[in-house]
Amino acid sequence: MRFMMLMIPKGYEKAEPGTMPDPKAVAAMMKYNESLQKAGVLLALDGLHPPSMGARISFSGGKPKVTDGPFAEAKEVLGGYWMIQVKSKEEAIEWASRCPASDNEVIELRQVQEFSDFPADVQEAVGKFPELQRRS
């Protein structure tokens, strides 16, 4: 089972372009990332620049509209993510619980939808595009 662990740092929605985390926090996080890697559960990870450097594309009326960051209405934003592969939700929760997060950070855990999760009719439709199928 694949899970995304989504880091949501409070206050990051207001961070200025180029804002970087504290070096001590980065060092602690690197040790945690190394433990995920050594256990063989880490598939991918990345930190994200603040929303002030991003853009949102909405599709009201079927037309794309681009809004550059920061986003005034944002209450929570992603600061980064990990993609892990584990045997259960409980194991994913165990790994997320070991993260050296600070008091202002929350990790949201979400299971990735696998091809086999979809009903047969959807699998048949997607089956025409094997490059879109991801095998777990």
Protein backbone atom coordinates (compact mmCIF):
# COMPACT_ATOMS: atom_id res chain seq x y z
CA MET A 1 0.00 0.00 0.00
CA ARG A 2 1.27 3.42 -0.89
CA PHE A 3 0.63 6.40 1.35
CA MET A 4 1.43 10.08 1.04
CA MET A 5 2.43 11.85 4.19
CA LEU A 6 1.66 15.52 3.60
CA MET A 7 3.45 18.06 5.80
CA ILE A 8 1.25 21.06 6.66
CA PRO A 9 3.25 23.74 8.51
CA LYS A 10 1.04 26.40 10.12
CA GLY A 11 2.02 29.88 9.00
CA TYR A 12 3.69 28.67 5.78
CA GLU A 13 0.81 30.13 3.76
CA LYS A 14 2.23 33.59 4.61
CA ALA A 15 5.91 32.77 4.07
CA GLU A 16 7.90 35.10 1.86
CA PRO A 17 9.63 33.82 -1.29
CA GLY A 18 12.93 32.16 -0.45
CA THR A 19 11.92 31.28 3.13
CA MET A 20 14.05 28.36 4.31
CA PRO A 21 13.64 26.07 7.33
CA ASP A 22 15.94 26.16 10.34
CA PRO A 23 19.17 24.18 9.71
CA LYS A 24 18.70 22.15 12.94
CA ALA A 25 15.20 21.17 11.83
CA VAL A 26 16.56 20.16 8.43
CA ALA A 27 19.25 18.00 10.05
CA ALA A 28 16.66 16.22 12.21
CA MET A 29 14.42 15.70 9.20
CA MET A 30 17.32 14.29 7.16
CA LYS A 31 17.94 11.66 9.88
CA TYR A 32 14.24 10.76 9.75
CA ASN A 33 14.33 10.55 5.94
CA GLU A 34 17.38 8.30 6.19
CA SER A 35 15.50 5.97 8.55
CA LEU A 36 12.64 5.71 6.03
CA GLN A 37 15.14 4.92 3.29
CA LYS A 38 17.06 2.32 5.34
CA ALA A 39 13.76 0.58 6.21
CA GLY A 40 12.99 0.33 2.49
CA VAL A 41 9.65 2.14 2.72
CA LEU A 42 10.58 5.49 1.12
CA LEU A 43 9.56 5.91 -2.52
CA ALA A 44 9.90 9.69 -2.91
CA LEU A 45 10.03 12.92 -0.92
CA ASP A 46 10.29 16.63 -1.58
CA GLY A 47 9.98 19.92 0.23
CA LEU A 48 7.98 22.66 -1.44
CA HIS A 49 8.73 26.36 -1.81
CA PRO A 50 6.20 28.65 -0.12
CA PRO A 51 2.90 29.40 -1.87
CA SER A 52 4.10 32.97 -2.49
CA MET A 53 6.27 31.48 -5.25
CA GLY A 54 3.49 29.32 -6.72
CA ALA A 55 0.34 29.68 -8.76
CA ARG A 56 -3.14 28.20 -8.74
CA ILE A 57 -5.07 27.39 -11.87
CA SER A 58 -8.85 27.25 -11.47
CA PHE A 59 -11.31 26.14 -14.13
CA SER A 60 -14.51 28.09 -13.57
CA GLY A 61 -16.73 27.78 -16.62
CA GLY A 62 -14.21 25.44 -18.25
CA LYS A 63 -11.63 28.20 -18.78
CA PRO A 64 -8.32 28.19 -16.93
CA LYS A 65 -7.66 31.19 -14.70
CA VAL A 66 -4.20 31.65 -13.18
CA THR A 67 -3.76 33.25 -9.75
CA ASP A 68 -0.21 33.89 -8.58
CA GLY A 69 0.65 33.27 -4.94
CA PRO A 70 0.39 34.10 -2.16
CA PHE A 71 -3.23 33.02 -1.81
CA ALA A 72 -5.17 35.21 0.61
CA GLU A 73 -7.85 32.58 1.27
CA ALA A 74 -5.38 29.78 2.11
CA LYS A 75 -5.58 28.53 5.68
CA GLU A 76 -3.41 25.43 5.27
CA VAL A 77 -0.79 24.72 2.63
CA LEU A 78 1.65 21.90 1.94
CA GLY A 79 5.27 22.30 2.89
CA GLY A 80 6.37 18.95 1.50
CA TYR A 81 5.53 15.28 1.20
CA TRP A 82 6.81 11.74 1.49
CA MET A 83 5.57 8.81 -0.59
CA ILE A 84 5.98 5.57 1.33
CA GLN A 85 5.08 1.95 0.67
CA VAL A 86 4.04 -0.06 3.70
CA LYS A 87 1.82 -3.04 4.55
CA SER A 88 -0.96 -1.17 6.36
CA LYS A 89 -2.42 2.16 7.42
CA GLU A 90 -1.24 1.37 10.94
CA GLU A 91 2.36 1.04 9.74
CA ALA A 92 2.04 4.34 7.85
CA ILE A 93 0.76 5.99 11.03
CA GLU A 94 3.74 4.56 12.95
CA TRP A 95 6.17 6.10 10.44
CA ALA A 96 4.36 9.46 10.45
CA SER A 97 4.39 9.47 14.26
CA ARG A 98 8.21 9.19 14.26
CA CYS A 99 8.65 12.41 12.25
CA PRO A 100 10.57 15.11 14.13
CA ALA A 101 7.86 17.68 13.37
CA SER A 102 7.55 20.88 15.38
CA ASP A 103 4.53 22.11 17.32
CA ASN A 104 3.28 24.12 14.33
CA GLU A 105 3.33 21.17 11.90
CA VAL A 106 0.72 18.56 11.07
CA ILE A 107 1.10 15.48 8.87
CA GLU A 108 -1.92 14.40 6.88
CA LEU A 109 -1.78 10.75 5.85
CA ARG A 110 -3.57 9.70 2.64
CA GLN A 111 -3.61 6.31 0.94
CA VAL A 112 -2.88 6.41 -2.79
CA GLN A 113 -5.55 4.93 -5.05
CA GLU A 114 -4.14 1.92 -6.83
CA PHE A 115 -5.35 0.65 -10.20
CA SER A 116 -6.84 -2.40 -8.48
CA ASP A 117 -9.00 -0.13 -6.27
CA PHE A 118 -11.15 0.92 -9.24
CA PRO A 119 -14.21 -1.02 -10.45
CA ALA A 120 -13.84 -3.34 -13.44
CA ASP A 121 -15.37 -0.91 -15.94
CA VAL A 122 -12.87 1.79 -15.02
CA GLN A 123 -9.99 -0.70 -15.11
CA GLU A 124 -11.11 -1.76 -18.58
CA ALA A 125 -11.20 1.84 -19.82
CA VAL A 126 -7.79 2.64 -18.34
CA GLY A 127 -6.48 -0.72 -19.58
CA LYS A 128 -6.40 0.81 -23.05
CA PHE A 129 -3.63 3.07 -21.73
CA PRO A 130 -1.18 0.75 -19.96
CA GLU A 131 1.27 3.60 -19.37
CA LEU A 132 -1.29 5.13 -16.97
CA GLN A 133 -1.39 2.03 -14.80
CA ARG A 134 0.93 1.89 -11.84
CA ARG A 135 1.68 -1.48 -10.41
CA SER A 136 2.19 -1.69 -6.67
